[in-house]
C-alpha atoms as a PDB file:
ATOM      1  CA  MET A   1      95.105  71.970  82.344  1.00  0.00           C
ATOM      2  CA  THR A   2      92.539  74.330  82.816  1.00  0.00           C
ATOM      3  CA  GLY A   3      90.133  73.049  79.936  1.00  0.00           C
ATOM      4  CA  GLY A   4      87.899  70.027  79.810  1.00  0.00           C
ATOM      5  CA  ASP A   5      89.323  66.710  80.722  1.00  0.00           C
ATOM      6  CA  ASP A   6      90.146  64.993  77.511  1.00  0.00           C
ATOM      7  CA  SER A   7      92.772  62.287  78.458  1.00  0.00           C
ATOM      8  CA  GLU A   8      93.426  61.643  74.713  1.00  0.00           C
ATOM      9  CA  PHE A   9      94.651  65.283  74.335  1.00  0.00           C
ATOM     10  CA  ALA A  10      96.695  65.205  77.623  1.00  0.00           C
ATOM     11  CA  ARG A  11      98.528  61.935  76.263  1.00  0.00           C
ATOM     12  CA  ARG A  12      99.342  63.927  73.101  1.00  0.00           C
ATOM     13  CA  LEU A  13     100.354  66.895  74.897  1.00  0.00           C
ATOM     14  CA  TRP A  14     102.862  65.194  77.206  1.00  0.00           C
ATOM     15  CA  ASN A  15     104.349  63.256  74.310  1.00  0.00           C
ATOM     16  CA  VAL A  16     105.456  66.786  72.823  1.00  0.00           C
ATOM     17  CA  PHE A  17     107.788  67.269  75.583  1.00  0.00           C
ATOM     18  CA  PRO A  18     111.279  65.803  75.035  1.00  0.00           C
ATOM     19  CA  LYS A  19     112.572  63.029  77.285  1.00  0.00           C
ATOM     20  CA  GLY A  20     116.036  63.248  79.072  1.00  0.00           C
ATOM     21  CA  GLU A  21     117.801  62.725  82.343  1.00  0.00           C
ATOM     22  CA  LYS A  22     116.118  63.666  85.468  1.00  0.00           C
ATOM     23  CA  LYS A  23     117.652  66.762  86.898  1.00  0.00           C
ATOM     24  CA  PRO A  24     118.259  67.353  90.721  1.00  0.00           C
ATOM     25  CA  ALA A  25     115.214  68.771  92.834  1.00  0.00           C
ATOM     26  CA  TYR A  26     117.386  71.726  94.047  1.00  0.00           C
ATOM     27  CA  ALA A  27     120.459  73.673  93.378  1.00  0.00           C
ATOM     28  CA  VAL A  28     122.230  76.146  95.424  1.00  0.00           C
ATOM     29  CA  TYR A  29     123.617  79.261  93.678  1.00  0.00           C
ATOM     30  CA  GLU A  30     125.913  81.596  95.817  1.00  0.00           C
ATOM     31  CA  PRO A  31     126.073  85.124  94.854  1.00  0.00           C
ATOM     32  CA  GLU A  32     129.700  86.175  93.998  1.00  0.00           C
ATOM     33  CA  SER A  33     129.616  89.117  96.544  1.00  0.00           C
ATOM     34  CA  LEU A  34     127.194  91.699  98.031  1.00  0.00           C
ATOM     35  CA  ASP A  35     126.561  94.403  95.488  1.00  0.00           C
ATOM     36  CA  ARG A  36     126.133  98.143  95.460  1.00  0.00           C
ATOM     37  CA  GLU A  37     125.372  99.377  92.077  1.00  0.00           C
ATOM     38  CA  GLY A  38     124.319 102.537  90.445  1.00  0.00           C
ATOM     39  CA  ILE A  39     122.953 102.970  87.062  1.00  0.00           C
ATOM     40  CA  GLU A  40     123.011 106.431  85.776  1.00  0.00           C
ATOM     41  CA  ILE A  41     120.184 108.026  83.702  1.00  0.00           C
ATOM     42  CA  PRO A  42     119.511 111.663  82.835  1.00  0.00           C
ATOM     43  CA  SER A  43     116.974 112.281  85.508  1.00  0.00           C
ATOM     44  CA  GLU A  44     116.711 114.143  88.779  1.00  0.00           C
ATOM     45  CA  VAL A  45     114.774 111.284  90.382  1.00  0.00           C
ATOM     46  CA  ALA A  46     115.803 107.885  91.212  1.00  0.00           C
ATOM     47  CA  TYR A  47     114.666 104.335  91.951  1.00  0.00           C
ATOM     48  CA  ALA A  48     116.147 102.712  94.972  1.00  0.00           C
ATOM     49  CA  VAL A  49     116.123  99.074  95.601  1.00  0.00           C
ATOM     50  CA  CYS A  50     117.400  97.046  98.652  1.00  0.00           C
ATOM     51  CA  SER A  51     117.163  93.264  98.191  1.00  0.00           C
ATOM     52  CA  ALA A  52     118.217  90.224 100.230  1.00  0.00           C
ATOM     53  CA  GLY A  53     117.366  86.744 100.826  1.00  0.00           C
ATOM     54  CA  MET A  54     115.394  85.330 103.640  1.00  0.00           C
ATOM     55  CA  THR A  55     117.508  83.481 106.338  1.00  0.00           C
ATOM     56  CA  GLU A  56     116.714  79.818 106.959  1.00  0.00           C
ATOM     57  CA  ASP A  57     114.641  80.416 110.012  1.00  0.00           C
ATOM     58  CA  THR A  58     112.440  83.114 108.426  1.00  0.00           C
ATOM     59  CA  VAL A  59     108.941  82.400 108.435  1.00  0.00           C
ATOM     60  CA  TYR A  60     107.292  82.935 104.987  1.00  0.00           C
ATOM     61  CA  GLY A  61     104.070  83.691 105.721  1.00  0.00           C
ATOM     62  CA  ARG A  62     104.681  86.316 108.616  1.00  0.00           C
ATOM     63  CA  MET A  63     107.238  88.110 106.293  1.00  0.00           C
ATOM     64  CA  LYS A  64     104.398  88.548 104.121  1.00  0.00           C
ATOM     65  CA  VAL A  65     102.252  90.197 106.803  1.00  0.00           C
ATOM     66  CA  LEU A  66     105.315  92.302 107.646  1.00  0.00           C
ATOM     67  CA  ALA A  67     105.837  93.564 104.273  1.00  0.00           C
ATOM     68  CA  ARG A  68     102.465  94.680 104.054  1.00  0.00           C
ATOM     69  CA  TYR A  69     102.455  96.357 107.612  1.00  0.00           C
ATOM     70  CA  LEU A  70     105.686  98.228 106.748  1.00  0.00           C
ATOM     71  CA  THR A  71     104.516  99.391 103.312  1.00  0.00           C
ATOM     72  CA  LEU A  72     101.103 100.842 104.381  1.00  0.00           C
ATOM     73  CA  ASN A  73     102.276 102.005 108.112  1.00  0.00           C
ATOM     74  CA  TYR A  74     105.910 103.111 107.563  1.00  0.00           C
ATOM     75  CA  LEU A  75     107.354 103.384 104.122  1.00  0.00           C
ATOM     76  CA  TRP A  76     104.210 105.299 102.549  1.00  0.00           C
ATOM     77  CA  ASN A  77     104.697 107.809 105.484  1.00  0.00           C
ATOM     78  CA  ARG A  78     108.335 108.216 105.462  1.00  0.00           C
ATOM     79  CA  ILE A  79     109.052 107.863 101.919  1.00  0.00           C
ATOM     80  CA  ARG A  80     105.999 108.770  99.998  1.00  0.00           C
ATOM     81  CA  VAL A  81     104.408 111.528 102.362  1.00  0.00           C
ATOM     82  CA  GLN A  82     107.627 112.959 103.813  1.00  0.00           C
ATOM     83  CA  GLY A  83     110.065 112.247 101.043  1.00  0.00           C
ATOM     84  CA  GLY A  84     107.985 112.981  98.203  1.00  0.00           C
ATOM     85  CA  ALA A  85     108.622 109.858  96.211  1.00  0.00           C
ATOM     86  CA  TYR A  86     105.727 108.519  93.962  1.00  0.00           C
ATOM     87  CA  GLY A  87     105.690 105.182  95.472  1.00  0.00           C
ATOM     88  CA  THR A  88     107.337 102.760  97.748  1.00  0.00           C
ATOM     89  CA  GLY A  89     106.907  99.500  99.165  1.00  0.00           C
ATOM     90  CA  LEU A  90     108.255  96.160 100.794  1.00  0.00           C
ATOM     91  CA  GLN A  91     107.667  93.009  98.598  1.00  0.00           C
ATOM     92  CA  VAL A  92     108.285  89.105  99.239  1.00  0.00           C
ATOM     93  CA  SER A  93     108.747  86.836  96.308  1.00  0.00           C
ATOM     94  CA  ASP A  94     107.877  83.069  96.271  1.00  0.00           C
ATOM     95  CA  SER A  95     111.777  82.368  96.092  1.00  0.00           C
ATOM     96  CA  GLY A  96     112.307  84.045  99.221  1.00  0.00           C
ATOM     97  CA  MET A  97     113.774  87.353  98.000  1.00  0.00           C
ATOM     98  CA  VAL A  98     112.634  90.393 100.216  1.00  0.00           C
ATOM     99  CA  SER A  99     113.083  93.812  98.420  1.00  0.00           C
ATOM    100  CA  PHE A 100     112.439  97.301  99.496  1.00  0.00           C
ATOM    101  CA  TYR A 101     111.751  99.723  96.581  1.00  0.00           C
ATOM    102  CA  SER A 102     111.111 103.373  95.801  1.00  0.00           C
ATOM    103  CA  TYR A 103     110.283 104.807  92.466  1.00  0.00           C
ATOM    104  CA  ARG A 104     110.464 108.556  91.058  1.00  0.00           C
ATOM    105  CA  ASP A 105     112.237 109.439  94.228  1.00  0.00           C
ATOM    106  CA  PRO A 106     113.649 112.611  94.923  1.00  0.00           C
ATOM    107  CA  ASP A 107     115.974 111.294  97.748  1.00  0.00           C
ATOM    108  CA  ALA A 108     117.326 107.830  97.319  1.00  0.00           C
ATOM    109  CA  ALA A 109     119.818 108.151  99.795  1.00  0.00           C
ATOM    110  CA  GLY A 110     117.278 109.054 102.394  1.00  0.00           C
ATOM    111  CA  SER A 111     115.113 106.201 101.371  1.00  0.00           C
ATOM    112  CA  LEU A 112     118.079 103.617 101.859  1.00  0.00           C
ATOM    113  CA  ARG A 113     118.252 105.011 105.508  1.00  0.00           C
ATOM    114  CA  VAL A 114     114.532 104.399 106.093  1.00  0.00           C
ATOM    115  CA  TYR A 115     114.994 100.832 104.754  1.00  0.00           C
ATOM    116  CA  ARG A 116     117.829 100.341 107.223  1.00  0.00           C
ATOM    117  CA  GLU A 117     115.932 101.876 110.123  1.00  0.00           C
ATOM    118  CA  ALA A 118     112.864  99.688 109.699  1.00  0.00           C
ATOM    119  CA  PRO A 119     114.164  96.744 112.246  1.00  0.00           C
ATOM    120  CA  GLU A 120     114.144  99.316 115.024  1.00  0.00           C
ATOM    121  CA  VAL A 121     110.806 100.752 114.098  1.00  0.00           C
ATOM    122  CA  MET A 122     109.294  97.021 114.372  1.00  0.00           C
ATOM    123  CA  ARG A 123     110.856  96.686 117.774  1.00  0.00           C
ATOM    124  CA  LYS A 124     108.701  99.662 118.939  1.00  0.00           C
ATOM    125  CA  ILE A 125     105.522  98.099 117.973  1.00  0.00           C
ATOM    126  CA  PRO A 126     103.065  98.212 121.020  1.00  0.00           C
ATOM    127  CA  GLY A 127     102.215  94.598 121.561  1.00  0.00           C
ATOM    128  CA  GLY A 128      98.608  94.313 122.400  1.00  0.00           C
ATOM    129  CA  GLN A 129      97.558  97.652 121.551  1.00  0.00           C
ATOM    130  CA  GLN A 130      98.112  97.172 117.793  1.00  0.00           C
ATOM    131  CA  ASN A 131      95.247  96.020 115.762  1.00  0.00           C
ATOM    132  CA  ILE A 132      96.674  94.143 112.601  1.00  0.00           C
ATOM    133  CA  THR A 133      93.597  92.467 111.574  1.00  0.00           C
ATOM    134  CA  GLY A 134      93.322  94.692 108.577  1.00  0.00           C
ATOM    135  CA  VAL A 135      96.767  93.986 107.511  1.00  0.00           C
ATOM    136  CA  ILE A 136      96.229  90.093 107.714  1.00  0.00           C
ATOM    137  CA  LEU A 137      93.013  90.284 105.659  1.00  0.00           C
ATOM    138  CA  GLY A 138      94.767  92.547 103.129  1.00  0.00           C
ATOM    139  CA  THR A 139      97.928  89.806 102.954  1.00  0.00           C
ATOM    140  CA  LEU A 140      95.515  86.952 102.274  1.00  0.00           C
ATOM    141  CA  ALA A 141      93.647  89.038  99.511  1.00  0.00           C
ATOM    142  CA  GLU A 142      97.067  89.760  98.170  1.00  0.00           C
ATOM    143  CA  ASP A 143      98.177  86.252  98.298  1.00  0.00           C
ATOM    144  CA  ALA A 144      95.111  84.646  96.786  1.00  0.00           C
ATOM    145  CA  PRO A 145      93.105  86.890  94.719  1.00  0.00           C
ATOM    146  CA  LEU A 146      90.078  85.879  92.512  1.00  0.00           C
ATOM    147  CA  ARG A 147      91.605  84.367  89.285  1.00  0.00           C
ATOM    148  CA  SER A 148      90.071  83.262  85.958  1.00  0.00           C
ATOM    149  CA  SER A 149      90.792  79.858  84.516  1.00  0.00           C
ATOM    150  CA  ARG A 150      93.632  81.037  82.526  1.00  0.00           C
ATOM    151  CA  GLU A 151      95.144  82.888  85.548  1.00  0.00           C
ATOM    152  CA  GLN A 152      94.798  79.862  87.674  1.00  0.00           C
ATOM    153  CA  GLY A 153      96.641  77.557  84.933  1.00  0.00           C
ATOM    154  CA  ALA A 154      99.546  80.336  85.041  1.00  0.00           C
ATOM    155  CA  PHE A 155      99.695  80.437  88.737  1.00  0.00           C
ATOM    156  CA  ALA A 156      99.675  76.745  89.195  1.00  0.00           C
ATOM    157  CA  ASP A 157     102.592  76.473  86.449  1.00  0.00           C
ATOM    158  CA  ARG A 158     104.454  78.851  88.565  1.00  0.00           C
ATOM    159  CA  GLN A 159     104.220  77.010  91.733  1.00  0.00           C
ATOM    160  CA  GLN A 160     105.072  73.686  90.008  1.00  0.00           C
ATOM    161  CA  MET A 161     108.323  75.267  88.522  1.00  0.00           C
ATOM    162  CA  LEU A 162     109.089  77.010  91.838  1.00  0.00           C
ATOM    163  CA  GLY A 163     108.650  73.550  93.748  1.00  0.00           C
ATOM    164  CA  VAL A 164     105.967  75.127  96.020  1.00  0.00           C
ATOM    165  CA  SER A 165     103.805  72.200  96.867  1.00  0.00           C
ATOM    166  CA  TYR A 166     100.137  72.520  98.086  1.00  0.00           C
ATOM    167  CA  GLU A 167     101.258  71.703 101.443  1.00  0.00           C
ATOM    168  CA  GLN A 168     103.655  74.504 101.567  1.00  0.00           C
ATOM    169  CA  ARG A 169     100.847  76.796 100.427  1.00  0.00           C
ATOM    170  CA  CYS A 170      98.577  75.858 103.330  1.00  0.00           C
ATOM    171  CA  ARG A 171     101.372  76.105 105.812  1.00  0.00           C
ATOM    172  CA  ARG A 172     101.884  79.690 104.404  1.00  0.00           C
ATOM    173  CA  ARG A 173      98.324  80.491 104.741  1.00  0.00           C
ATOM    174  CA  ASN A 174      98.257  79.285 108.478  1.00  0.00           C
ATOM    175  CA  GLU A 175     101.301  81.445 108.980  1.00  0.00           C
ATOM    176  CA  ILE A 176      99.628  84.491 107.821  1.00  0.00           C
ATOM    177  CA  LEU A 177      96.432  83.796 109.949  1.00  0.00           C
ATOM    178  CA  SER A 178      97.991  83.067 113.044  1.00  0.00           C
ATOM    179  CA  MET A 179      99.979  86.362 112.943  1.00  0.00           C
ATOM    180  CA  THR A 180      99.802  88.496 116.256  1.00  0.00           C
ATOM    181  CA  PRO A 181     101.191  91.880 117.078  1.00  0.00           C
ATOM    182  CA  GLU A 182     104.076  90.257 119.382  1.00  0.00           C
ATOM    183  CA  LYS A 183     104.960  87.961 116.468  1.00  0.00           C
ATOM    184  CA  LEU A 184     104.948  91.067 114.075  1.00  0.00           C
ATOM    185  CA  ALA A 185     107.394  92.836 116.506  1.00  0.00           C
ATOM    186  CA  GLY A 186     109.679  89.771 116.914  1.00  0.00           C
ATOM    187  CA  MET A 187     110.432  89.909 112.965  1.00  0.00           C
ATOM    188  CA  ALA A 188     112.479  92.761 113.600  1.00  0.00           C
ATOM    189  CA  GLU A 189     115.608  90.519 114.276  1.00  0.00           C
ATOM    190  CA  SER A 190     115.165  88.391 110.886  1.00  0.00           C
ATOM    191  CA  LEU A 191     114.719  91.783 109.030  1.00  0.00           C
ATOM    192  CA  GLU A 192     117.911  93.011 110.428  1.00  0.00           C
ATOM    193  CA  ASP A 193     119.769  89.950 109.641  1.00  0.00           C
ATOM    194  CA  MET A 194     118.700  90.169 106.050  1.00  0.00           C
ATOM    195  CA  LEU A 195     119.672  93.757 105.931  1.00  0.00           C
ATOM    196  CA  ASN A 196     123.162  92.891 106.939  1.00  0.00           C
ATOM    197  CA  HIS A 197     123.385  91.201 103.648  1.00  0.00           C
ATOM    198  CA  GLU A 198     121.619  93.554 101.411  1.00  0.00           C
ATOM    199  CA  ASN A 199     122.280  94.238  97.716  1.00  0.00           C
ATOM    200  CA  ILE A 200     121.535  97.747  96.484  1.00  0.00           C
ATOM    201  CA  CYS A 201     120.793  99.083  93.167  1.00  0.00           C
ATOM    202  CA  VAL A 202     119.911 102.903  92.471  1.00  0.00           C
ATOM    203  CA  VAL A 203     118.824 104.087  89.144  1.00  0.00           C
ATOM    204  CA  GLY A 204     118.965 107.810  88.686  1.00  0.00           C
ATOM    205  CA  GLY A 205     120.940 111.065  88.041  1.00  0.00           C
ATOM    206  CA  ALA A 206     124.519 111.382  88.916  1.00  0.00           C
ATOM    207  CA  MET A 207     124.151 113.460  92.095  1.00  0.00           C
ATOM    208  CA  GLN A 208     121.552 110.893  93.280  1.00  0.00           C
ATOM    209  CA  ILE A 209     123.900 108.037  92.870  1.00  0.00           C
ATOM    210  CA  GLU A 210     126.790 110.153  94.438  1.00  0.00           C
ATOM    211  CA  LYS A 211     124.648 110.857  97.759  1.00  0.00           C
ATOM    212  CA  CYS A 212     124.010 107.110  97.972  1.00  0.00           C
ATOM    213  CA  GLY A 213     128.018 106.579  98.228  1.00  0.00           C
ATOM    214  CA  ILE A 214     127.910 104.241  95.193  1.00  0.00           C
ATOM    215  CA  THR A 215     131.089 103.869  93.186  1.00  0.00           C
ATOM    216  CA  GLN A 216     130.201 101.280  90.862  1.00  0.00           C
ATOM    217  CA  ILE A 217     128.321 103.019  88.115  1.00  0.00           C
ATOM    218  CA  GLU A 218     127.106 102.023  84.773  1.00  0.00           C
ATOM    219  CA  LYS A 219     125.773 104.907  82.472  1.00  0.00           C
ATOM    220  CA  LEU A 220     122.961 104.300  79.939  1.00  0.00           C
END
């Protein structure tokens, strides 16, 4: 509740929800198989996404810093500046999904190659010479923006439904704050493991999809 403390209102609100059997706290859903899908549209540009779930030993907070670092220092230069796409980035969801993406991209196949080369780029980061303070601050600002009362309520709902506790959020915050250039370079192996279990989807023209070597195609 983001309004006043009205216990009578709260009691009446909870009584509205139906009662039933308690469900398990967790459920595991295994994907059927790794997927490479193309969705053909009448366009010369494409939207290329490569996603994978975090491995069990991946540190969430560090992955958030890594995502921001790669977006600003690697993907933007290779895919936006050199490749000519309108935009690109690496996102980490609360559910643990890590996704590279590009949009309005004239070279989807080239972007997929750039995604796969990211772990090797990470291994070449010069440890003590790399200042990542700005990246850490940007990650914190992105992770905890200023929210209105309504937005705070929506955020709390989402965290509750995802099963993310206050203690987990504190741990993730500390993982972000304790990031170092050496730890950043050490994320290369985790990123490589994820890319070995990648799922790819390219939305674009027939030639773009063909260059990506995708045979499973759906036409819109």
